[in-house]
């Protein structure tokens, strides 16, 4: 995210000191916000809202199907884990319960 903002500053001719954050947050942003090919978390949630028989489980199943191999997405492996899915943010793993 910060990388994109710095690129925008450069395009607009804004003077600033380049900061190397050492992180490219775009993969995580795409996982959450990507509209299609494959759709991100928010797009899938929006899509599920249109189906009258959709459930938390159908949402998570679709999420695993579409994003299961994404480097920033995890499905908990242990039954005792209460999370339905996890996203690896810049600060670490965040568990989500649908």
PDB file of N, CA and C in Angstrom:
ATOM      1  N   UNK A   1       0.821  -1.174   0.000  1.00  0.00           N
ATOM      2  CA  UNK A   1       0.000   0.000   0.000  1.00  0.00           C
ATOM      3  C   UNK A   1       0.875   1.251   0.000  1.00  0.00           C
ATOM      4  N   UNK A   2       1.842   1.296   0.884  1.00  0.00           N
ATOM      5  CA  UNK A   2       2.699   2.465   0.959  1.00  0.00           C
ATOM      6  C   UNK A   2       3.539   2.618  -0.300  1.00  0.00           C
ATOM      7  N   UNK A   3       3.889   1.497  -0.914  1.00  0.00           N
ATOM      8  CA  UNK A   3       4.657   1.536  -2.158  1.00  0.00           C
ATOM      9  C   UNK A   3       3.839   2.219  -3.237  1.00  0.00           C
ATOM     10  N   UNK A   4       2.553   1.867  -3.345  1.00  0.00           N
ATOM     11  CA  UNK A   4       1.677   2.479  -4.343  1.00  0.00           C
ATOM     12  C   UNK A   4       1.532   3.977  -4.100  1.00  0.00           C
ATOM     13  N   UNK A   5       1.437   4.372  -2.857  1.00  0.00           N
ATOM     14  CA  UNK A   5       1.309   5.797  -2.548  1.00  0.00           C
ATOM     15  C   UNK A   5       2.576   6.552  -2.936  1.00  0.00           C
ATOM     16  N   UNK A   6       3.729   5.956  -2.710  1.00  0.00           N
ATOM     17  CA  UNK A   6       4.976   6.615  -3.087  1.00  0.00           C
ATOM     18  C   UNK A   6       5.088   6.724  -4.602  1.00  0.00           C
ATOM     19  N   UNK A   7       4.607   5.695  -5.318  1.00  0.00           N
ATOM     20  CA  UNK A   7       4.601   5.765  -6.781  1.00  0.00           C
ATOM     21  C   UNK A   7       3.676   6.880  -7.257  1.00  0.00           C
ATOM     22  N   UNK A   8       2.554   7.057  -6.579  1.00  0.00           N
ATOM     23  CA  UNK A   8       1.627   8.137  -6.927  1.00  0.00           C
ATOM     24  C   UNK A   8       2.271   9.497  -6.672  1.00  0.00           C
ATOM     25  N   UNK A   9       2.979   9.647  -5.569  1.00  0.00           N
ATOM     26  CA  UNK A   9       3.693  10.892  -5.292  1.00  0.00           C
ATOM     27  C   UNK A   9       4.661  11.207  -6.425  1.00  0.00           C
ATOM     28  N   UNK A  10       5.366  10.173  -6.888  1.00  0.00           N
ATOM     29  CA  UNK A  10       6.335  10.361  -7.958  1.00  0.00           C
ATOM     30  C   UNK A  10       5.635  10.816  -9.237  1.00  0.00           C
ATOM     31  N   UNK A  11       4.514  10.167  -9.589  1.00  0.00           N
ATOM     32  CA  UNK A  11       3.774  10.544 -10.801  1.00  0.00           C
ATOM     33  C   UNK A  11       3.272  11.987 -10.715  1.00  0.00           C
ATOM     34  N   UNK A  12       2.868  12.405  -9.534  1.00  0.00           N
ATOM     35  CA  UNK A  12       2.316  13.744  -9.356  1.00  0.00           C
ATOM     36  C   UNK A  12       3.388  14.799  -9.098  1.00  0.00           C
ATOM     37  N   UNK A  13       4.634  14.372  -9.045  1.00  0.00           N
ATOM     38  CA  UNK A  13       5.730  15.310  -8.850  1.00  0.00           C
ATOM     39  C   UNK A  13       5.826  15.873  -7.438  1.00  0.00           C
ATOM     40  N   UNK A  14       5.291  15.157  -6.474  1.00  0.00           N
ATOM     41  CA  UNK A  14       5.348  15.598  -5.077  1.00  0.00           C
ATOM     42  C   UNK A  14       6.718  15.242  -4.506  1.00  0.00           C
ATOM     43  N   UNK A  15       7.334  16.207  -3.842  1.00  0.00           N
ATOM     44  CA  UNK A  15       8.645  15.945  -3.241  1.00  0.00           C
ATOM     45  C   UNK A  15       8.463  15.224  -1.907  1.00  0.00           C
ATOM     46  N   UNK A  16       9.237  14.187  -1.703  1.00  0.00           N
ATOM     47  CA  UNK A  16       9.208  13.424  -0.455  1.00  0.00           C
ATOM     48  C   UNK A  16      10.475  12.602  -0.389  1.00  0.00           C
ATOM     49  N   UNK A  17      10.780  12.082   0.767  1.00  0.00           N
ATOM     50  CA  UNK A  17      11.915  11.187   0.944  1.00  0.00           C
ATOM     51  C   UNK A  17      11.413   9.759   0.855  1.00  0.00           C
ATOM     52  N   UNK A  18      11.993   8.995  -0.060  1.00  0.00           N
ATOM     53  CA  UNK A  18      11.587   7.604  -0.244  1.00  0.00           C
ATOM     54  C   UNK A  18      11.830   6.819   1.042  1.00  0.00           C
ATOM     55  N   UNK A  19      10.867   6.021   1.420  1.00  0.00           N
ATOM     56  CA  UNK A  19      10.984   5.171   2.605  1.00  0.00           C
ATOM     57  C   UNK A  19      10.859   3.725   2.151  1.00  0.00           C
ATOM     58  N   UNK A  20      11.864   2.928   2.465  1.00  0.00           N
ATOM     59  CA  UNK A  20      11.813   1.503   2.134  1.00  0.00           C
ATOM     60  C   UNK A  20      11.189   0.765   3.313  1.00  0.00           C
ATOM     61  N   UNK A  21       9.925   0.392   3.171  1.00  0.00           N
ATOM     62  CA  UNK A  21       9.228  -0.296   4.253  1.00  0.00           C
ATOM     63  C   UNK A  21       9.644  -1.758   4.354  1.00  0.00           C
ATOM     64  N   UNK A  22      10.273  -2.264   3.306  1.00  0.00           N
ATOM     65  CA  UNK A  22      10.709  -3.655   3.322  1.00  0.00           C
ATOM     66  C   UNK A  22       9.565  -4.641   3.163  1.00  0.00           C
ATOM     67  N   UNK A  23       8.370  -4.136   2.962  1.00  0.00           N
ATOM     68  CA  UNK A  23       7.206  -5.007   2.816  1.00  0.00           C
ATOM     69  C   UNK A  23       6.391  -4.576   1.609  1.00  0.00           C
ATOM     70  N   UNK A  24       5.959  -5.535   0.837  1.00  0.00           N
ATOM     71  CA  UNK A  24       5.000  -5.263  -0.219  1.00  0.00           C
ATOM     72  C   UNK A  24       3.669  -5.808   0.276  1.00  0.00           C
ATOM     73  N   UNK A  25       2.757  -4.939   0.597  1.00  0.00           N
ATOM     74  CA  UNK A  25       1.477  -5.331   1.172  1.00  0.00           C
ATOM     75  C   UNK A  25       0.438  -5.697   0.116  1.00  0.00           C
ATOM     76  N   UNK A  26       0.797  -5.571  -1.172  1.00  0.00           N
ATOM     77  CA  UNK A  26      -0.175  -5.786  -2.237  1.00  0.00           C
ATOM     78  C   UNK A  26      -0.795  -7.183  -2.229  1.00  0.00           C
ATOM     79  N   UNK A  27      -0.044  -8.256  -1.984  1.00  0.00           N
ATOM     80  CA  UNK A  27      -0.691  -9.579  -1.963  1.00  0.00           C
ATOM     81  C   UNK A  27      -1.814  -9.681  -0.932  1.00  0.00           C
ATOM     82  N   UNK A  28      -1.629  -9.104   0.228  1.00  0.00           N
ATOM     83  CA  UNK A  28      -2.665  -9.137   1.265  1.00  0.00           C
ATOM     84  C   UNK A  28      -3.856  -8.269   0.858  1.00  0.00           C
ATOM     85  N   UNK A  29      -3.576  -7.118   0.289  1.00  0.00           N
ATOM     86  CA  UNK A  29      -4.647  -6.233  -0.180  1.00  0.00           C
ATOM     87  C   UNK A  29      -5.463  -6.927  -1.262  1.00  0.00           C
ATOM     88  N   UNK A  30      -4.778  -7.584  -2.204  1.00  0.00           N
ATOM     89  CA  UNK A  30      -5.486  -8.310  -3.268  1.00  0.00           C
ATOM     90  C   UNK A  30      -6.354  -9.423  -2.693  1.00  0.00           C
ATOM     91  N   UNK A  31      -5.837 -10.145  -1.723  1.00  0.00           N
ATOM     92  CA  UNK A  31      -6.605 -11.225  -1.105  1.00  0.00           C
ATOM     93  C   UNK A  31      -7.913 -10.696  -0.525  1.00  0.00           C
ATOM     94  N   UNK A  32      -7.873  -9.539   0.055  1.00  0.00           N
ATOM     95  CA  UNK A  32      -9.062  -8.977   0.695  1.00  0.00           C
ATOM     96  C   UNK A  32      -9.955  -8.240  -0.298  1.00  0.00           C
ATOM     97  N   UNK A  33      -9.377  -7.413  -1.166  1.00  0.00           N
ATOM     98  CA  UNK A  33     -10.171  -6.481  -1.959  1.00  0.00           C
ATOM     99  C   UNK A  33     -10.333  -6.812  -3.436  1.00  0.00           C
ATOM    100  N   UNK A  34      -9.624  -7.770  -3.951  1.00  0.00           N
ATOM    101  CA  UNK A  34      -9.669  -8.043  -5.390  1.00  0.00           C
ATOM    102  C   UNK A  34     -11.102  -8.336  -5.853  1.00  0.00           C
ATOM    103  N   UNK A  35     -11.567  -7.658  -6.916  1.00  0.00           N
ATOM    104  CA  UNK A  35     -12.944  -7.867  -7.363  1.00  0.00           C
ATOM    105  C   UNK A  35     -13.168  -9.176  -8.126  1.00  0.00           C
ATOM    106  N   UNK A  36     -12.145  -9.674  -8.833  1.00  0.00           N
ATOM    107  CA  UNK A  36     -12.335 -10.888  -9.643  1.00  0.00           C
ATOM    108  C   UNK A  36     -10.999 -11.510 -10.026  1.00  0.00           C
ATOM    109  N   UNK A  37     -11.084 -12.743 -10.500  1.00  0.00           N
ATOM    110  CA  UNK A  37      -9.959 -13.499 -11.094  1.00  0.00           C
ATOM    111  C   UNK A  37      -8.739 -13.677 -10.200  1.00  0.00           C
ATOM    112  N   UNK A  38      -8.771 -14.335  -9.119  1.00  0.00           N
ATOM    113  CA  UNK A  38      -9.948 -14.808  -8.385  1.00  0.00           C
ATOM    114  C   UNK A  38     -10.479 -13.711  -7.480  1.00  0.00           C
ATOM    115  N   UNK A  39     -11.750 -13.795  -7.123  1.00  0.00           N
ATOM    116  CA  UNK A  39     -12.321 -12.763  -6.256  1.00  0.00           C
ATOM    117  C   UNK A  39     -11.752 -12.827  -4.841  1.00  0.00           C
ATOM    118  N   UNK A  40     -11.610 -11.659  -4.232  1.00  0.00           N
ATOM    119  CA  UNK A  40     -11.107 -11.578  -2.868  1.00  0.00           C
ATOM    120  C   UNK A  40     -12.189 -11.833  -1.834  1.00  0.00           C
ATOM    121  N   UNK A  41     -11.812 -11.704  -0.580  1.00  0.00           N
ATOM    122  CA  UNK A  41     -12.708 -11.992   0.540  1.00  0.00           C
ATOM    123  C   UNK A  41     -13.971 -11.133   0.470  1.00  0.00           C
ATOM    124  N   UNK A  42     -13.823  -9.832   0.262  1.00  0.00           N
ATOM    125  CA  UNK A  42     -14.993  -8.954   0.251  1.00  0.00           C
ATOM    126  C   UNK A  42     -15.910  -9.232  -0.933  1.00  0.00           C
ATOM    127  N   UNK A  43     -15.345  -9.514  -2.101  1.00  0.00           N
ATOM    128  CA  UNK A  43     -16.165  -9.833  -3.274  1.00  0.00           C
ATOM    129  C   UNK A  43     -16.933 -11.130  -3.059  1.00  0.00           C
ATOM    130  N   UNK A  44     -16.292 -12.115  -2.459  1.00  0.00           N
ATOM    131  CA  UNK A  44     -16.970 -13.385  -2.186  1.00  0.00           C
ATOM    132  C   UNK A  44     -18.069 -13.208  -1.140  1.00  0.00           C
ATOM    133  N   UNK A  45     -17.813 -12.392  -0.144  1.00  0.00           N
ATOM    134  CA  UNK A  45     -18.836 -12.129   0.865  1.00  0.00           C
ATOM    135  C   UNK A  45     -20.034 -11.416   0.240  1.00  0.00           C
ATOM    136  N   UNK A  46     -19.760 -10.447  -0.602  1.00  0.00           N
ATOM    137  CA  UNK A  46     -20.831  -9.732  -1.297  1.00  0.00           C
ATOM    138  C   UNK A  46     -21.648 -10.692  -2.160  1.00  0.00           C
ATOM    139  N   UNK A  47     -20.962 -11.567  -2.866  1.00  0.00           N
ATOM    140  CA  UNK A  47     -21.632 -12.554  -3.715  1.00  0.00           C
ATOM    141  C   UNK A  47     -22.520 -13.484  -2.887  1.00  0.00           C
ATOM    142  N   UNK A  48     -22.028 -13.939  -1.761  1.00  0.00           N
ATOM    143  CA  UNK A  48     -22.795 -14.852  -0.911  1.00  0.00           C
ATOM    144  C   UNK A  48     -24.063 -14.191  -0.368  1.00  0.00           C
ATOM    145  N   UNK A  49     -24.018 -12.889  -0.172  1.00  0.00           N
ATOM    146  CA  UNK A  49     -25.187 -12.178   0.358  1.00  0.00           C
ATOM    147  C   UNK A  49     -26.383 -12.226  -0.587  1.00  0.00           C
ATOM    148  N   UNK A  50     -26.145 -12.512  -1.856  1.00  0.00           N
ATOM    149  CA  UNK A  50     -27.228 -12.573  -2.841  1.00  0.00           C
ATOM    150  C   UNK A  50     -27.959 -13.910  -2.824  1.00  0.00           C
ATOM    151  N   UNK A  51     -27.390 -14.919  -2.197  1.00  0.00           N
ATOM    152  CA  UNK A  51     -28.000 -16.248  -2.192  1.00  0.00           C
ATOM    153  C   UNK A  51     -28.818 -16.438  -0.917  1.00  0.00           C
ATOM    154  N   UNK A  52     -30.127 -16.698  -1.055  1.00  0.00           N
ATOM    155  CA  UNK A  52     -30.981 -16.811   0.128  1.00  0.00           C
ATOM    156  C   UNK A  52     -30.599 -17.960   1.060  1.00  0.00           C
ATOM    157  N   UNK A  53     -29.998 -19.006   0.528  1.00  0.00           N
ATOM    158  CA  UNK A  53     -29.645 -20.155   1.371  1.00  0.00           C
ATOM    159  C   UNK A  53     -28.164 -20.175   1.745  1.00  0.00           C
ATOM    160  N   UNK A  54     -27.492 -19.068   1.531  1.00  0.00           N
ATOM    161  CA  UNK A  54     -26.073 -18.992   1.887  1.00  0.00           C
ATOM    162  C   UNK A  54     -25.919 -19.040   3.405  1.00  0.00           C
ATOM    163  N   UNK A  55     -24.825 -19.656   3.837  1.00  0.00           N
ATOM    164  CA  UNK A  55     -24.518 -19.758   5.263  1.00  0.00           C
ATOM    165  C   UNK A  55     -23.063 -19.367   5.480  1.00  0.00           C
ATOM    166  N   UNK A  56     -22.678 -19.291   6.734  1.00  0.00           N
ATOM    167  CA  UNK A  56     -21.268 -19.042   7.049  1.00  0.00           C
ATOM    168  C   UNK A  56     -20.396 -20.118   6.418  1.00  0.00           C
ATOM    169  N   UNK A  57     -20.874 -21.350   6.486  1.00  0.00           N
ATOM    170  CA  UNK A  57     -20.107 -22.471   5.940  1.00  0.00           C
ATOM    171  C   UNK A  57     -19.956 -22.361   4.425  1.00  0.00           C
ATOM    172  N   UNK A  58     -21.026 -21.994   3.708  1.00  0.00           N
ATOM    173  CA  UNK A  58     -20.906 -21.879   2.245  1.00  0.00           C
ATOM    174  C   UNK A  58     -19.944 -20.755   1.875  1.00  0.00           C
ATOM    175  N   UNK A  59     -19.938 -19.679   2.670  1.00  0.00           N
ATOM    176  CA  UNK A  59     -18.992 -18.593   2.429  1.00  0.00           C
ATOM    177  C   UNK A  59     -17.559 -19.072   2.614  1.00  0.00           C
ATOM    178  N   UNK A  60     -17.288 -19.731   3.726  1.00  0.00           N
ATOM    179  CA  UNK A  60     -15.926 -20.207   3.999  1.00  0.00           C
ATOM    180  C   UNK A  60     -15.514 -21.252   2.967  1.00  0.00           C
ATOM    181  N   UNK A  61     -16.418 -22.147   2.592  1.00  0.00           N
ATOM    182  CA  UNK A  61     -16.097 -23.151   1.569  1.00  0.00           C
ATOM    183  C   UNK A  61     -15.713 -22.488   0.253  1.00  0.00           C
ATOM    184  N   UNK A  62     -16.468 -21.473  -0.137  1.00  0.00           N
ATOM    185  CA  UNK A  62     -16.169 -20.762  -1.383  1.00  0.00           C
ATOM    186  C   UNK A  62     -14.838 -20.022  -1.267  1.00  0.00           C
ATOM    187  N   UNK A  63     -14.585 -19.450  -0.108  1.00  0.00           N
ATOM    188  CA  UNK A  63     -13.330 -18.742   0.131  1.00  0.00           C
ATOM    189  C   UNK A  63     -12.140 -19.692   0.021  1.00  0.00           C
ATOM    190  N   UNK A  64     -12.261 -20.861   0.615  1.00  0.00           N
ATOM    191  CA  UNK A  64     -11.191 -21.864   0.538  1.00  0.00           C
ATOM    192  C   UNK A  64     -11.005 -22.321  -0.907  1.00  0.00           C
ATOM    193  N   UNK A  65     -12.096 -22.508  -1.626  1.00  0.00           N
ATOM    194  CA  UNK A  65     -12.017 -22.934  -3.026  1.00  0.00           C
ATOM    195  C   UNK A  65     -11.305 -21.890  -3.888  1.00  0.00           C
ATOM    196  N   UNK A  66     -11.626 -20.618  -3.689  1.00  0.00           N
ATOM    197  CA  UNK A  66     -11.063 -19.549  -4.522  1.00  0.00           C
ATOM    198  C   UNK A  66      -9.675 -19.094  -4.074  1.00  0.00           C
ATOM    199  N   UNK A  67      -9.429 -19.084  -2.778  1.00  0.00           N
ATOM    200  CA  UNK A  67      -8.194 -18.499  -2.256  1.00  0.00           C
ATOM    201  C   UNK A  67      -7.330 -19.478  -1.473  1.00  0.00           C
ATOM    202  N   UNK A  68      -7.686 -20.745  -1.485  1.00  0.00           N
ATOM    203  CA  UNK A  68      -6.990 -21.740  -0.679  1.00  0.00           C
ATOM    204  C   UNK A  68      -5.492 -21.839  -0.894  1.00  0.00           C
ATOM    205  N   UNK A  69      -5.019 -21.483  -2.074  1.00  0.00           N
ATOM    206  CA  UNK A  69      -3.581 -21.574  -2.357  1.00  0.00           C
ATOM    207  C   UNK A  69      -2.864 -20.227  -2.246  1.00  0.00           C
ATOM    208  N   UNK A  70      -3.584 -19.173  -1.916  1.00  0.00           N
ATOM    209  CA  UNK A  70      -2.975 -17.841  -1.795  1.00  0.00           C
ATOM    210  C   UNK A  70      -1.974 -17.850  -0.640  1.00  0.00           C
ATOM    211  N   UNK A  71      -0.837 -17.223  -0.855  1.00  0.00           N
ATOM    212  CA  UNK A  71       0.237 -17.243   0.151  1.00  0.00           C
ATOM    213  C   UNK A  71      -0.147 -16.543   1.458  1.00  0.00           C
ATOM    214  N   UNK A  72      -1.129 -15.674   1.429  1.00  0.00           N
ATOM    215  CA  UNK A  72      -1.535 -14.934   2.628  1.00  0.00           C
ATOM    216  C   UNK A  72      -2.809 -15.494   3.264  1.00  0.00           C
ATOM    217  N   UNK A  73      -3.305 -16.617   2.752  1.00  0.00           N
ATOM    218  CA  UNK A  73      -4.539 -17.226   3.250  1.00  0.00           C
ATOM    219  C   UNK A  73      -4.225 -18.566   3.892  1.00  0.00           C
ATOM    220  N   UNK A  74      -4.875 -18.840   5.020  1.00  0.00           N
ATOM    221  CA  UNK A  74      -4.716 -20.144   5.668  1.00  0.00           C
ATOM    222  C   UNK A  74      -6.063 -20.630   6.173  1.00  0.00           C
ATOM    223  N   UNK A  75      -6.267 -21.909   6.065  1.00  0.00           N
ATOM    224  CA  UNK A  75      -7.415 -22.580   6.673  1.00  0.00           C
ATOM    225  C   UNK A  75      -6.862 -23.314   7.882  1.00  0.00           C
ATOM    226  N   UNK A  76      -7.389 -23.058   9.082  1.00  0.00           N
ATOM    227  CA  UNK A  76      -6.866 -23.746  10.271  1.00  0.00           C
ATOM    228  C   UNK A  76      -6.943 -25.261  10.108  1.00  0.00           C
ATOM    229  N   UNK A  77      -5.921 -25.947  10.576  1.00  0.00           N
ATOM    230  CA  UNK A  77      -5.847 -27.400  10.406  1.00  0.00           C
ATOM    231  C   UNK A  77      -6.374 -28.160  11.620  1.00  0.00           C
ATOM    232  N   UNK A  78      -6.394 -27.518  12.762  1.00  0.00           N
ATOM    233  CA  UNK A  78      -6.786 -28.211  13.990  1.00  0.00           C
ATOM    234  C   UNK A  78      -8.259 -27.963  14.299  1.00  0.00           C
ATOM    235  N   UNK A  79      -8.941 -29.002  14.719  1.00  0.00           N
ATOM    236  CA  UNK A  79     -10.355 -28.885  15.054  1.00  0.00           C
ATOM    237  C   UNK A  79     -10.593 -27.979  16.257  1.00  0.00           C
ATOM    238  N   UNK A  80      -9.619 -27.920  17.167  1.00  0.00           N
ATOM    239  CA  UNK A  80      -9.794 -27.090  18.360  1.00  0.00           C
ATOM    240  C   UNK A  80      -9.664 -25.602  18.053  1.00  0.00           C
ATOM    241  N   UNK A  81      -9.121 -25.284  16.884  1.00  0.00           N
ATOM    242  CA  UNK A  81      -8.970 -23.894  16.478  1.00  0.00           C
ATOM    243  C   UNK A  81     -10.345 -23.330  16.128  1.00  0.00           C
ATOM    244  N   UNK A  82     -10.734 -22.241  16.757  1.00  0.00           N
ATOM    245  CA  UNK A  82     -12.062 -21.683  16.548  1.00  0.00           C
ATOM    246  C   UNK A  82     -12.168 -20.829  15.280  1.00  0.00           C
ATOM    247  N   UNK A  83     -11.059 -20.493  14.670  1.00  0.00           N
ATOM    248  CA  UNK A  83     -11.087 -19.665  13.466  1.00  0.00           C
ATOM    249  C   UNK A  83     -11.595 -20.462  12.271  1.00  0.00           C
ATOM    250  N   UNK A  84     -12.307 -19.762  11.381  1.00  0.00           N
ATOM    251  CA  UNK A  84     -12.757 -20.384  10.142  1.00  0.00           C
ATOM    252  C   UNK A  84     -11.714 -20.232   9.038  1.00  0.00           C
ATOM    253  N   UNK A  85     -10.992 -19.116   9.065  1.00  0.00           N
ATOM    254  CA  UNK A  85      -9.886 -18.903   8.135  1.00  0.00           C
ATOM    255  C   UNK A  85      -8.960 -17.854   8.735  1.00  0.00           C
ATOM    256  N   UNK A  86      -7.764 -17.752   8.172  1.00  0.00           N
ATOM    257  CA  UNK A  86      -6.753 -16.821   8.670  1.00  0.00           C
ATOM    258  C   UNK A  86      -6.168 -16.052   7.497  1.00  0.00           C
ATOM    259  N   UNK A  87      -5.813 -14.814   7.748  1.00  0.00           N
ATOM    260  CA  UNK A  87      -5.100 -14.006   6.767  1.00  0.00           C
ATOM    261  C   UNK A  87      -3.796 -13.563   7.417  1.00  0.00           C
ATOM    262  N   UNK A  88      -2.715 -13.711   6.664  1.00  0.00           N
ATOM    263  CA  UNK A  88      -1.401 -13.305   7.157  1.00  0.00           C
ATOM    264  C   UNK A  88      -1.194 -11.840   6.771  1.00  0.00           C
ATOM    265  N   UNK A  89      -1.385 -10.952   7.738  1.00  0.00           N
ATOM    266  CA  UNK A  89      -1.195  -9.522   7.534  1.00  0.00           C
ATOM    267  C   UNK A  89       0.273  -9.182   7.799  1.00  0.00           C
ATOM    268  N   UNK A  90       0.660  -7.935   7.598  1.00  0.00           N
ATOM    269  CA  UNK A  90       2.048  -7.528   7.803  1.00  0.00           C
ATOM    270  C   UNK A  90       2.506  -7.777   9.236  1.00  0.00           C
ATOM    271  N   UNK A  91       1.590  -7.705  10.190  1.00  0.00           N
ATOM    272  CA  UNK A  91       1.971  -7.879  11.593  1.00  0.00           C
ATOM    273  C   UNK A  91       1.852  -9.323  12.065  1.00  0.00           C
ATOM    274  N   UNK A  92       1.353 -10.202  11.208  1.00  0.00           N
ATOM    275  CA  UNK A  92       1.220 -11.604  11.578  1.00  0.00           C
ATOM    276  C   UNK A  92      -0.135 -12.175  11.215  1.00  0.00           C
ATOM    277  N   UNK A  93      -0.375 -13.366  11.711  1.00  0.00           N
ATOM    278  CA  UNK A  93      -1.610 -14.100  11.408  1.00  0.00           C
ATOM    279  C   UNK A  93      -2.796 -13.508  12.178  1.00  0.00           C
ATOM    280  N   UNK A  94      -3.904 -13.307  11.463  1.00  0.00           N
ATOM    281  CA  UNK A  94      -5.143 -12.840  12.086  1.00  0.00           C
ATOM    282  C   UNK A  94      -6.217 -13.876  11.791  1.00  0.00           C
ATOM    283  N   UNK A  95      -6.838 -14.395  12.853  1.00  0.00           N
ATOM    284  CA  UNK A  95      -7.889 -15.401  12.716  1.00  0.00           C
ATOM    285  C   UNK A  95      -9.236 -14.720  12.533  1.00  0.00           C
ATOM    286  N   UNK A  96     -10.059 -15.300  11.662  1.00  0.00           N
ATOM    287  CA  UNK A  96     -11.396 -14.777  11.403  1.00  0.00           C
ATOM    288  C   UNK A  96     -12.424 -15.870  11.642  1.00  0.00           C
ATOM    289  N   UNK A  97     -13.517 -15.489  12.261  1.00  0.00           N
ATOM    290  CA  UNK A  97     -14.641 -16.394  12.472  1.00  0.00           C
ATOM    291  C   UNK A  97     -15.794 -15.843  11.647  1.00  0.00           C
ATOM    292  N   UNK A  98     -16.338 -16.687  10.769  1.00  0.00           N
ATOM    293  CA  UNK A  98     -17.430 -16.203   9.927  1.00  0.00           C
ATOM    294  C   UNK A  98     -18.696 -16.231  10.733  1.00  0.00           C
TER     295      UNK A  98
END
